[in-house]
Amino acid sequence: MTVKKVGLLGGTFDPPHIGHLVMAEEARLEKSLDEIWWMPNPLPPHKEISSATSEENRRDLVKKMVDCHPAFRLCTFEMECSRPSYTTETVRALMKEMPTIQFSFIMGGDSLENFHKWYKYEELSQLLPFIVLTRPGYEIAQPTLFRELTVIKNIKLDVSSTEIRKKIKDGSLNRFLLTDAVYEYIREYRLYE
């Protein structure tokens, strides 16, 4: 039996940007993953600020990103489950529901720095392999905590959704930080203004 290898890329994606695309593709190439499932979270419990964009908007934005590559998929599991959704619970449920899939979890170095704030992070670190793309200004903390940790260091992008939202609001966005489809969607719905 052939085992499908899937990388889970979670996040608020508010909005999704080229840093997310690069992270997904680098992880796919580095670990020979068959698919990357983009898994938007309505509001991660470890984040303090809620989004002004609707879940529908963010799902649509992520759909536009996954359309960029045939190996990318939209996974709405966390948007459809009861609130709050915890990554540990999500991963456990996906592994139980799809036992023939070998999952990995993909994150940026900024998320790894705050990983100790995640619900049951020690359990999550042992459930599946992690793939981390380093980011300027962030250290790889607690590498021994993980069952398996792959650190991708060959590309470092310092792009954040927070900064993109600020740049849109003040009219100084470098539009090439977004794909054309995402950029046009944000303009059409006047998001982040």
Foldseek 3Di string as FASTA:
>chain_A
DDFAEEEEEEDQCLPPWVVSVVQQVVVCVVVVHQAYEYEHAQDAPLDDDGDPDDPVLRQVNVVVVQVVDPRYHYDDVNVPDDPPDAPLVVLVVVCVVCVRYAYEYEEELVCQQVLVSGDPSLSVLESHEYEYEYEPPGDRPPPVSHPHYHYDDPDYDDDDSVVQLVCLQVVNHPLNRHDPVSSVSCVVVVPSD
